[in-house]
Each structure stands twice: as C-alpha cells, then as structure tokens.
Protein backbone atom coordinates (compact mmCIF):
# COMPACT_ATOMS: atom_id res chain seq x y z
CA VAL A 1 253.52 276.17 105.60
CA ARG A 2 254.19 272.58 104.48
CA ILE A 3 252.43 273.26 101.17
CA ILE A 4 254.65 276.29 100.58
CA ASP A 5 257.74 274.20 101.36
CA LEU A 6 256.61 271.53 98.92
CA SER A 7 255.91 274.11 96.23
CA GLN A 8 259.41 275.54 96.73
CA GLN A 9 260.83 272.04 96.34
CA LEU A 10 258.77 271.55 93.19
CA GLY A 11 260.07 274.86 91.83
CA GLN A 12 263.64 273.80 92.55
CA GLU A 13 263.08 270.48 90.76
CA ILE A 14 261.52 272.23 87.77
CA ALA A 15 264.52 274.57 87.64
CA LEU A 16 266.74 271.49 87.17
CA ASP A 17 264.57 269.90 84.50
CA ALA A 18 266.08 269.78 81.00
CA ARG A 19 262.93 271.35 79.50
CA TYR A 20 263.25 274.38 81.79
CA LEU A 21 266.99 274.69 81.17
CA ASN A 22 266.38 274.47 77.42
CA LEU A 23 263.75 277.21 77.67
CA ARG A 24 266.10 279.46 79.65
CA SER A 25 268.91 279.04 77.11
CA SER A 26 266.54 279.64 74.19
CA ILE A 27 265.29 282.84 75.88
CA GLU A 28 268.89 284.01 76.27
CA ALA A 29 269.59 283.22 72.61
CA LEU A 30 266.46 285.10 71.55
CA GLU A 31 267.39 288.13 73.65
CA ALA A 32 270.91 288.17 72.17
CA ASP A 33 269.72 288.15 68.54
CA ASP A 34 268.14 291.39 67.28
CA GLU A 35 266.70 289.76 64.17
CA ALA A 36 265.18 286.90 66.17
CA ARG A 37 263.71 289.37 68.69
CA ALA A 38 262.08 291.33 65.88
CA ALA A 39 260.75 288.10 64.37
CA HIS A 40 259.38 287.13 67.79
CA GLU A 41 257.58 290.46 68.13
CA GLU A 42 256.04 289.96 64.69
CA PHE A 43 255.14 286.36 65.61
CA VAL A 44 253.36 287.51 68.79
CA GLU A 45 251.40 290.16 66.85
CA LEU A 46 250.36 287.66 64.15
CA ALA A 47 249.39 285.05 66.73
CA ALA A 48 247.23 287.62 68.54
CA ALA A 49 245.54 288.59 65.26
CA LEU A 50 244.88 284.93 64.48
CA GLU A 51 243.42 284.41 67.96
CA ARG A 52 241.09 287.39 67.48
CA ILE A 53 239.89 285.93 64.17
CA GLU A 54 239.25 282.56 65.79
CA GLU A 55 237.49 284.11 68.81
CA ALA A 56 235.25 286.11 66.50
CA GLY A 57 234.28 282.85 64.79
CA GLU A 58 235.32 284.19 61.42
CA GLU A 59 236.06 281.89 58.54
CA THR A 60 239.26 279.93 58.86
CA ALA A 61 240.16 281.07 55.34
CA GLN A 62 241.01 284.45 56.86
CA GLY A 63 243.27 282.76 59.40
CA GLY A 64 245.03 280.58 56.84
CA PRO A 65 247.39 283.26 55.52
CA LEU A 66 248.25 284.26 59.09
CA GLU A 67 249.01 280.66 60.02
CA GLN A 68 251.26 280.42 56.96
CA ARG A 69 253.07 283.62 57.94
CA LEU A 70 253.60 282.24 61.46
CA ASP A 71 255.05 279.04 60.04
CA ASP A 72 257.26 281.00 57.64
CA LEU A 73 258.62 283.20 60.43
CA ALA A 74 259.54 280.18 62.53
CA GLU A 75 261.18 278.44 59.56
CA ARG A 76 263.21 281.51 58.56
CA HIS A 77 264.51 282.16 62.08
CA PRO A 78 266.11 279.14 63.76
CA VAL A 79 266.56 281.00 67.07
CA LEU A 80 262.86 281.86 67.13
CA ASN A 81 261.95 278.32 66.15
CA GLY A 82 264.14 276.93 68.93
CA PHE A 83 262.46 279.23 71.43
CA LEU A 84 258.97 278.22 70.27
CA GLU A 85 259.84 274.54 70.53
CA ALA A 86 261.39 274.97 73.99
CA GLN A 87 258.36 276.98 75.11
CA SER A 88 256.04 274.24 73.88
CA GLU A 89 258.01 271.52 75.65
CA PHE A 90 258.06 273.46 78.91
CA SER A 91 254.35 274.21 78.63
CA GLY A 92 253.77 270.48 78.24
CA LEU A 93 255.69 269.84 81.46
CA MET A 94 253.70 272.45 83.35
CA GLN A 95 250.42 271.13 81.95
CA GLU A 96 251.38 267.68 83.20
CA VAL A 97 252.16 269.11 86.67
CA PHE A 98 248.81 270.93 86.80
CA SER A 99 246.93 267.86 85.57
CA THR A 100 248.58 265.72 88.22
CA ILE A 101 247.62 268.16 90.97
CA ASP A 102 244.07 268.45 89.60
CA GLY A 103 243.83 264.66 89.53
CA VAL A 104 244.92 264.35 93.13
CA LEU A 105 242.45 267.03 94.20
CA GLY A 106 239.66 265.61 92.07
CA LEU A 107 239.12 268.98 90.41
CA GLY A 108 240.20 268.01 86.91
CA GLY A 109 236.67 267.77 85.57
CA ASP A 110 237.42 264.52 83.75
CA GLU A 111 233.93 263.13 83.50
CA GLU A 112 235.20 260.26 81.34
CA ASP A 113 237.24 258.79 84.20
CA GLU A 114 234.28 258.56 86.55
C-alpha cells in the first residue's frame, strides 16, 4: 500500500512538472488544429514505415527520403513540431524517472558501473 501511495505522489508531482504541462498544452493545440492533426497522422505513418525499414535491416538509403519527409512535416507545421518537442522532453523526464528507479533496484543492467 505504501508503494501505491508513493506512486500516486509521484504522479501528482509529474502532473505539476513544466514538461508534463507543456505536453498537455501541445496535445490540446494539436487536437484543435485540423491541419496539424492530419500532419501528425502522416508523421506517425511515415515513422512506422521508417521503423519497419530499420527493423528489416534494409539499406539506410531507403530510409533517407522518409527521414527527410518527417523533418519537412515538422518544419511546415509549428503545432506538430511543438508537440514533438514537448513529447521528447516529457519522454526524457520519464526515462530519467525509470532509470532512477532501476538504479535503486539494481536492475538497470549497467555493467559499466560495476
């Protein structure tokens, strides 16, 4: 029960963090902008296609045009770009939280530190 209480506290603290608040507002902006939503859908499809190419171990030359299209979409749509940046910042926060917990538990698998 104490662990659940602590996780609720952590969630409440995360909800007050500027990176989370920025992500929430960028999601709202994305949802309110039809053009940005369409660009996001295209971005997600292109990113999935690029991931499939990379997973298949295909030449990066095939992925290059897709990467360029992803960059172009983000550049052409400031709302989408803001969302992607906010998402990246929040993901960094969550990665740091997970890494900290892993470090405390000794489950991080960091052989270099041993």
